[in-house]
Amino acid sequence: MDAIIVVTHGSRRREFLEDLEAMAESLRRDIKGEVILAHNEFSPPDWRDVVGKLSERGFTRIIFALAFLGRGNHVFKDIAGSLNVDELEKWTKVNIGGKEIEVYFTRPLADSVLVHISLKLRVMRALGLGVEGYLSDPEEIEERSMDIAEEHARKIRPDLHYPHLRIVARAVYATGNPEIAMQYYSSDEAVNVAVEALRAGITVVTDVRMVACGLRWKKVVTAVEQSGIEEEVRRNGGTKTAAGIRLSLKVGEPRAVIVGNAPTALLEVLKLVSQGREIPFVIASPPGFTNAMEAKESLVKSGLPSFVIRGSYGGSNVAAAIFNELIRLAGD
């Protein structure tokens, strides 16, 4: 059996414990397994006690989810080192109370692109900097059309509330088809992640030019237009859009992905994520009956922050409409 211990430095301050418990609770919602918050010092429970109790209960694999920023002594000496583990992100056999179990230590958070984005956003907020790249030209006719689209969306999806209702209304407005509201999906934290990333001025990667042309954003890269794409296809195979996704995401900076046409591009994104690539959020609305539906369902199951038009519905205009509404939310 597997268990997860979210390990923190520990603190006597109540607010610290509340913040970290919220992080652990987020894992519990998504992982649906044994997730326990524990600490290295100052506050109970002590992670050492938790490991022993889990071993006694029959858990044979334990993931240490390190809620630390950097790779300091607490990580390598106090925690991993005390179990004679010197390598992160690798299953290692250890002895706990006479029982052999496997442990896995996640990397600390400082090299995560999402942490970088969050820190950048907080600095930008202090400096009074707004959203970069937002091109706004509101018209009365658009607002009236959006009001009508929102009314349709509310009738079809009474379970949705702001801001999701507004996002769905954009998709309805873009397609003229209120039924598309039934196919809308968004992961729990997708809006917050996307808004923070956009406020930090993130670059986005689109699968095809048609999506890129519809975005009200300056920092856009189109996968299928990447230099060296033919050579990438010859070397590693796949479609041009899949090869373009690989090339577009090779850079060190965090990039969001918008797929409105090619399901193979979305499948490549999921493959890269499974290999450790961090992508802040994904918008996926490729239409069709072959690959498209399966790829979108795989994205839903992945747990990535995402906005998805499920089933055979979709299109480049839908993907662009969802993204443009997220820009508006980021500008509020």
Protein backbone atom coordinates (compact mmCIF):
# COMPACT_ATOMS: atom_id res chain seq x y z
CA MET A 1 0.00 0.00 0.00
CA ASP A 2 1.10 3.58 -0.68
CA ALA A 3 0.97 6.60 1.61
CA ILE A 4 2.02 10.23 1.27
CA ILE A 5 3.60 12.29 4.03
CA VAL A 6 3.63 16.04 3.38
CA VAL A 7 6.72 17.05 5.38
CA THR A 8 7.31 20.65 6.51
CA HIS A 9 9.94 22.36 8.63
CA GLY A 10 7.32 22.83 11.33
CA SER A 11 6.29 25.89 13.31
CA ARG A 12 4.48 26.86 16.49
CA ARG A 13 2.56 29.50 14.54
CA ARG A 14 -1.06 28.56 13.88
CA GLU A 15 -1.21 30.33 10.50
CA PHE A 16 1.73 28.28 9.21
CA LEU A 17 0.02 25.03 10.14
CA GLU A 18 -3.26 26.16 8.55
CA ASP A 19 -1.51 27.06 5.29
CA LEU A 20 0.25 23.70 5.05
CA GLU A 21 -2.86 21.75 6.04
CA ALA A 22 -4.63 23.40 3.09
CA MET A 23 -1.85 22.13 0.83
CA ALA A 24 -2.20 18.61 2.21
CA GLU A 25 -5.98 18.76 1.82
CA SER A 26 -5.56 19.67 -1.85
CA LEU A 27 -3.55 16.48 -2.29
CA ARG A 28 -6.20 14.45 -0.49
CA ARG A 29 -8.88 15.69 -2.88
CA ASP A 30 -6.91 14.77 -5.98
CA ILE A 31 -4.98 11.67 -4.91
CA LYS A 32 -7.77 9.97 -2.93
CA GLY A 33 -5.29 8.12 -0.72
CA GLU A 34 -3.59 8.25 2.66
CA VAL A 35 -2.13 11.77 2.94
CA ILE A 36 -0.71 12.94 6.27
CA LEU A 37 0.76 16.33 7.17
CA ALA A 38 3.84 15.97 9.41
CA HIS A 39 6.73 18.16 10.53
CA ASN A 40 10.46 18.01 11.15
CA GLU A 41 10.34 19.97 14.41
CA PHE A 42 8.33 22.38 16.61
CA SER A 43 4.87 20.94 15.90
CA PRO A 44 3.22 17.51 15.94
CA PRO A 45 2.97 15.05 14.40
CA ASP A 46 6.67 14.32 13.91
CA TRP A 47 7.30 12.71 10.52
CA ARG A 48 9.46 10.03 12.19
CA ASP A 49 6.51 8.88 14.29
CA VAL A 50 4.23 8.93 11.27
CA VAL A 51 6.59 6.71 9.25
CA GLY A 52 6.71 4.16 12.04
CA LYS A 53 2.94 4.04 12.42
CA LEU A 54 2.41 3.72 8.66
CA SER A 55 4.86 0.82 8.56
CA GLU A 56 3.02 -0.89 11.42
CA ARG A 57 -0.25 -0.46 9.52
CA GLY A 58 1.16 -2.33 6.55
CA PHE A 59 2.10 0.49 4.19
CA THR A 60 5.04 -0.66 2.07
CA ARG A 61 5.65 2.46 -0.03
CA ILE A 62 5.80 6.00 1.34
CA ILE A 63 6.16 9.21 -0.64
CA PHE A 64 7.75 12.12 1.20
CA ALA A 65 6.19 15.21 -0.38
CA LEU A 66 8.73 17.80 0.71
CA ALA A 67 7.07 21.15 1.44
CA PHE A 68 10.45 22.88 1.51
CA LEU A 69 11.76 25.51 -0.88
CA GLY A 70 15.41 24.56 -1.25
CA ARG A 71 17.70 21.54 -1.02
CA GLY A 72 19.13 22.38 2.40
CA ASN A 73 20.24 20.43 5.47
CA HIS A 74 16.70 19.76 6.65
CA VAL A 75 16.06 17.86 3.43
CA PHE A 76 19.33 16.00 2.99
CA LYS A 77 20.47 15.62 6.61
CA ASP A 78 17.48 15.65 8.97
CA ILE A 79 14.95 13.86 6.77
CA ALA A 80 16.32 11.90 3.79
CA GLY A 81 19.75 11.52 5.41
CA SER A 82 18.33 10.01 8.59
CA LEU A 83 16.93 7.19 6.43
CA ASN A 84 20.26 6.83 4.56
CA VAL A 85 18.71 8.18 1.38
CA ASP A 86 20.91 10.51 -0.67
CA GLU A 87 18.98 10.75 -3.93
CA LEU A 88 15.65 12.44 -4.63
CA GLU A 89 12.95 11.30 -7.06
CA LYS A 90 13.92 7.65 -6.80
CA TRP A 91 12.34 4.73 -4.96
CA THR A 92 14.77 3.46 -2.30
CA LYS A 93 14.48 0.51 0.08
CA VAL A 94 14.91 1.36 3.78
CA ASN A 95 14.40 -0.42 7.09
CA ILE A 96 11.75 0.93 9.46
CA GLY A 97 11.31 -0.89 12.76
CA GLY A 98 12.62 -4.12 11.30
CA LYS A 99 10.40 -3.91 8.21
CA GLU A 100 11.66 -3.20 4.71
CA ILE A 101 9.69 -0.51 2.88
CA GLU A 102 10.30 1.74 -0.13
CA VAL A 103 10.48 5.52 0.17
CA TYR A 104 10.45 8.28 -2.44
CA PHE A 105 11.41 11.91 -1.85
CA THR A 106 10.01 14.63 -4.11
CA ARG A 107 12.16 17.58 -5.07
CA PRO A 108 11.79 20.76 -3.00
CA LEU A 109 9.74 23.52 -4.58
CA ALA A 110 12.24 26.24 -5.50
CA ASP A 111 12.86 24.93 -9.02
CA SER A 112 9.14 24.70 -9.84
CA VAL A 113 8.00 27.10 -12.56
CA LEU A 114 4.75 27.63 -10.66
CA VAL A 115 6.66 28.86 -7.60
CA HIS A 116 8.64 31.22 -9.84
CA ILE A 117 5.42 32.58 -11.31
CA SER A 118 3.86 33.10 -7.88
CA LEU A 119 6.89 34.97 -6.57
CA LYS A 120 7.07 37.12 -9.70
CA LEU A 121 3.38 37.97 -9.37
CA ARG A 122 3.81 39.13 -5.78
CA VAL A 123 6.72 41.38 -6.74
CA MET A 124 4.78 42.79 -9.69
CA ARG A 125 1.83 43.50 -7.41
CA ALA A 126 4.10 45.45 -5.07
CA LEU A 127 5.37 47.49 -8.02
CA GLY A 128 1.86 48.14 -9.29
CA LEU A 129 2.48 46.42 -12.61
CA GLY A 130 -0.53 45.17 -14.55
CA VAL A 131 -1.08 42.45 -17.10
CA GLU A 132 1.35 42.59 -20.01
CA GLY A 133 0.15 41.81 -23.50
CA TYR A 134 -3.57 42.51 -23.00
CA LEU A 135 -5.11 44.20 -26.06
CA SER A 136 -8.56 45.55 -25.09
CA ASP A 137 -11.12 47.06 -27.48
CA PRO A 138 -14.58 46.47 -25.89
CA GLU A 139 -17.69 47.15 -27.96
CA GLU A 140 -21.32 47.42 -26.89
CA ILE A 141 -22.47 44.77 -29.37
CA GLU A 142 -20.04 42.24 -27.92
CA GLU A 143 -21.26 42.89 -24.39
CA ARG A 144 -24.87 42.41 -25.44
CA SER A 145 -24.00 39.17 -27.24
CA MET A 146 -22.12 37.95 -24.19
CA ASP A 147 -25.10 38.64 -21.95
CA ILE A 148 -27.28 36.50 -24.21
CA ALA A 149 -24.66 33.74 -24.35
CA GLU A 150 -24.39 33.77 -20.56
CA GLU A 151 -28.16 33.41 -20.21
CA HIS A 152 -28.07 30.31 -22.43
CA ALA A 153 -25.10 28.88 -20.53
CA ARG A 154 -26.81 29.42 -17.17
CA LYS A 155 -29.89 27.48 -18.29
CA ILE A 156 -27.84 24.55 -19.58
CA ARG A 157 -25.29 24.48 -16.75
CA PRO A 158 -27.01 25.75 -13.58
CA ASP A 159 -24.16 24.15 -11.59
CA LEU A 160 -21.67 26.71 -12.89
CA HIS A 161 -20.98 30.04 -11.24
CA TYR A 162 -18.65 32.96 -11.88
CA PRO A 163 -16.01 32.87 -13.31
CA HIS A 164 -16.72 29.51 -14.97
CA LEU A 165 -20.11 30.68 -16.21
CA ARG A 166 -18.44 33.60 -17.96
CA ILE A 167 -15.80 31.33 -19.50
CA VAL A 168 -18.48 29.00 -20.85
CA ALA A 169 -20.41 31.98 -22.19
CA ARG A 170 -17.33 32.90 -24.24
CA ALA A 171 -17.33 29.43 -25.78
CA VAL A 172 -21.06 29.71 -26.53
CA TYR A 173 -20.55 33.15 -28.04
CA ALA A 174 -17.63 31.93 -30.18
CA THR A 175 -19.56 28.99 -31.62
CA GLY A 176 -23.16 30.17 -31.54
CA ASN A 177 -23.95 26.78 -30.00
CA PRO A 178 -25.28 26.82 -26.41
CA GLU A 179 -24.98 23.01 -26.21
CA ILE A 180 -21.21 23.31 -25.99
CA ALA A 181 -21.71 24.41 -22.37
CA MET A 182 -22.54 20.80 -21.48
CA GLN A 183 -19.03 19.73 -22.51
CA TYR A 184 -17.09 22.27 -20.46
CA TYR A 185 -14.70 21.01 -17.77
CA SER A 186 -12.25 22.86 -15.56
CA SER A 187 -10.03 21.42 -12.83
CA ASP A 188 -10.44 22.86 -9.33
CA GLU A 189 -7.48 25.25 -9.29
CA ALA A 190 -7.23 25.97 -13.02
CA VAL A 191 -8.64 29.51 -12.92
CA ASN A 192 -6.37 30.65 -10.08
CA VAL A 193 -3.29 29.09 -11.69
CA ALA A 194 -4.08 30.58 -15.11
CA VAL A 195 -4.80 34.05 -13.73
CA GLU A 196 -1.54 34.10 -11.76
CA ALA A 197 0.43 32.89 -14.78
CA LEU A 198 -1.13 35.51 -17.06
CA ARG A 199 -0.53 38.31 -14.58
CA ALA A 200 3.11 37.26 -14.59
CA GLY A 201 3.20 37.63 -18.39
CA ILE A 202 3.60 33.96 -19.31
CA THR A 203 4.33 32.79 -22.86
CA VAL A 204 1.72 30.48 -24.38
CA VAL A 205 2.22 27.76 -26.97
CA THR A 206 -0.55 27.06 -29.50
CA ASP A 207 -0.75 23.98 -31.67
CA VAL A 208 -1.67 25.82 -34.90
CA ARG A 209 -1.67 29.32 -36.34
CA MET A 210 -5.46 29.58 -36.32
CA VAL A 211 -5.50 29.46 -32.52
CA ALA A 212 -2.66 31.97 -32.25
CA CYS A 213 -4.45 34.46 -34.51
CA GLY A 214 -7.44 34.53 -32.18
CA LEU A 215 -5.51 35.32 -29.00
CA ARG A 216 -5.41 38.81 -27.51
CA TRP A 217 -1.91 38.20 -26.24
CA LYS A 218 1.55 39.19 -27.44
CA LYS A 219 3.71 36.38 -26.06
CA VAL A 220 2.58 33.53 -28.32
CA VAL A 221 4.57 30.68 -29.90
CA THR A 222 3.02 28.44 -32.58
CA ALA A 223 4.19 24.83 -32.39
CA VAL A 224 3.68 23.90 -36.02
CA GLU A 225 5.78 26.88 -37.15
CA GLN A 226 8.88 26.03 -35.10
CA SER A 227 12.26 26.10 -36.81
CA GLY A 228 13.74 22.64 -37.27
CA ILE A 229 10.40 20.87 -37.12
CA GLU A 230 11.08 18.68 -40.17
CA GLU A 231 14.32 17.43 -38.63
CA GLU A 232 12.54 16.78 -35.32
CA VAL A 233 9.95 14.64 -37.12
CA ARG A 234 12.67 12.64 -38.90
CA ARG A 235 14.61 12.14 -35.66
CA ASN A 236 11.82 11.34 -33.21
CA GLY A 237 8.75 10.67 -35.34
CA GLY A 238 5.17 11.76 -34.79
CA THR A 239 3.15 14.52 -36.43
CA LYS A 240 4.41 18.03 -37.10
CA THR A 241 2.27 19.46 -34.32
CA ALA A 242 3.63 16.92 -31.83
CA ALA A 243 7.18 17.70 -32.92
CA GLY A 244 6.44 21.41 -32.67
CA ILE A 245 5.17 20.96 -29.11
CA ARG A 246 8.41 19.21 -28.17
CA LEU A 247 10.49 22.03 -29.65
CA SER A 248 8.32 24.77 -28.14
CA LEU A 249 8.57 23.37 -24.62
CA LYS A 250 12.32 22.71 -24.64
CA VAL A 251 13.04 26.20 -23.32
CA GLY A 252 13.63 26.81 -19.62
CA GLU A 253 10.84 29.34 -19.10
CA PRO A 254 7.37 28.15 -18.06
CA ARG A 255 4.86 28.03 -20.92
CA ALA A 256 1.14 27.32 -20.97
CA VAL A 257 -0.32 25.29 -23.85
CA ILE A 258 -3.47 25.86 -25.93
CA VAL A 259 -4.60 23.04 -28.23
CA GLY A 260 -7.56 23.87 -30.45
CA ASN A 261 -7.02 21.68 -33.47
CA ALA A 262 -4.58 18.76 -33.23
CA PRO A 263 -5.16 15.98 -30.68
CA THR A 264 -1.65 14.66 -31.32
CA ALA A 265 -0.32 17.93 -29.90
CA LEU A 266 -2.31 17.33 -26.72
CA LEU A 267 -1.07 13.75 -26.47
CA GLU A 268 2.50 15.04 -26.75
CA VAL A 269 1.86 17.52 -23.93
CA LEU A 270 0.65 14.69 -21.69
CA LYS A 271 3.69 12.61 -22.61
CA LEU A 272 6.06 15.45 -21.70
CA VAL A 273 4.26 16.03 -18.40
CA SER A 274 4.63 12.33 -17.54
CA GLN A 275 8.36 12.75 -18.15
CA GLY A 276 8.58 15.61 -15.65
CA ARG A 277 7.91 18.73 -17.74
CA GLU A 278 6.00 21.35 -15.73
CA ILE A 279 3.25 23.20 -17.59
CA PRO A 280 1.23 25.81 -15.64
CA PHE A 281 -2.07 25.14 -17.40
CA VAL A 282 -3.59 23.68 -20.57
CA ILE A 283 -6.61 24.66 -22.68
CA ALA A 284 -7.81 21.79 -24.88
CA SER A 285 -10.63 21.84 -27.42
CA PRO A 286 -9.51 19.81 -30.46
CA PRO A 287 -12.67 18.59 -32.22
CA GLY A 288 -13.22 15.19 -33.78
CA PHE A 289 -13.98 11.54 -33.19
CA THR A 290 -10.55 9.89 -33.47
CA ASN A 291 -7.93 10.64 -30.78
CA ALA A 292 -9.54 13.95 -29.82
CA MET A 293 -12.04 12.60 -27.29
CA GLU A 294 -9.53 10.15 -25.81
CA ALA A 295 -6.79 12.78 -25.53
CA LYS A 296 -9.11 15.24 -23.79
CA GLU A 297 -10.28 12.62 -21.30
CA SER A 298 -6.65 11.76 -20.54
CA LEU A 299 -6.04 15.42 -19.78
CA VAL A 300 -9.04 15.50 -17.44
CA LYS A 301 -7.72 12.44 -15.59
CA SER A 302 -4.16 13.80 -15.39
CA GLY A 303 -5.00 16.37 -12.72
CA LEU A 304 -3.23 19.16 -14.62
CA PRO A 305 -4.75 22.64 -14.26
CA SER A 306 -6.87 22.61 -17.40
CA PHE A 307 -9.89 23.87 -19.31
CA VAL A 308 -11.39 21.22 -21.59
CA ILE A 309 -14.23 20.98 -24.08
CA ARG A 310 -15.00 17.28 -23.82
CA GLY A 311 -16.49 14.94 -26.41
CA SER A 312 -16.33 15.69 -30.13
CA TYR A 313 -17.03 19.42 -29.68
CA GLY A 314 -14.31 22.04 -29.96
CA GLY A 315 -12.27 24.07 -32.40
CA SER A 316 -9.57 26.71 -32.56
CA ASN A 317 -12.07 29.51 -31.99
CA VAL A 318 -13.28 27.88 -28.78
CA ALA A 319 -9.75 27.54 -27.40
CA ALA A 320 -9.02 31.18 -28.21
CA ALA A 321 -12.29 32.34 -26.65
CA ILE A 322 -11.57 30.55 -23.36
CA PHE A 323 -8.07 32.00 -23.22
CA ASN A 324 -9.25 35.53 -23.96
CA GLU A 325 -11.76 35.34 -21.12
CA LEU A 326 -8.97 34.25 -18.78
CA ILE A 327 -7.06 37.37 -19.85
CA ARG A 328 -10.04 39.48 -18.86
CA LEU A 329 -10.16 37.78 -15.48
CA ALA A 330 -6.44 38.41 -15.01
CA GLY A 331 -6.98 42.08 -15.78
CA ASP A 332 -9.69 42.57 -13.15
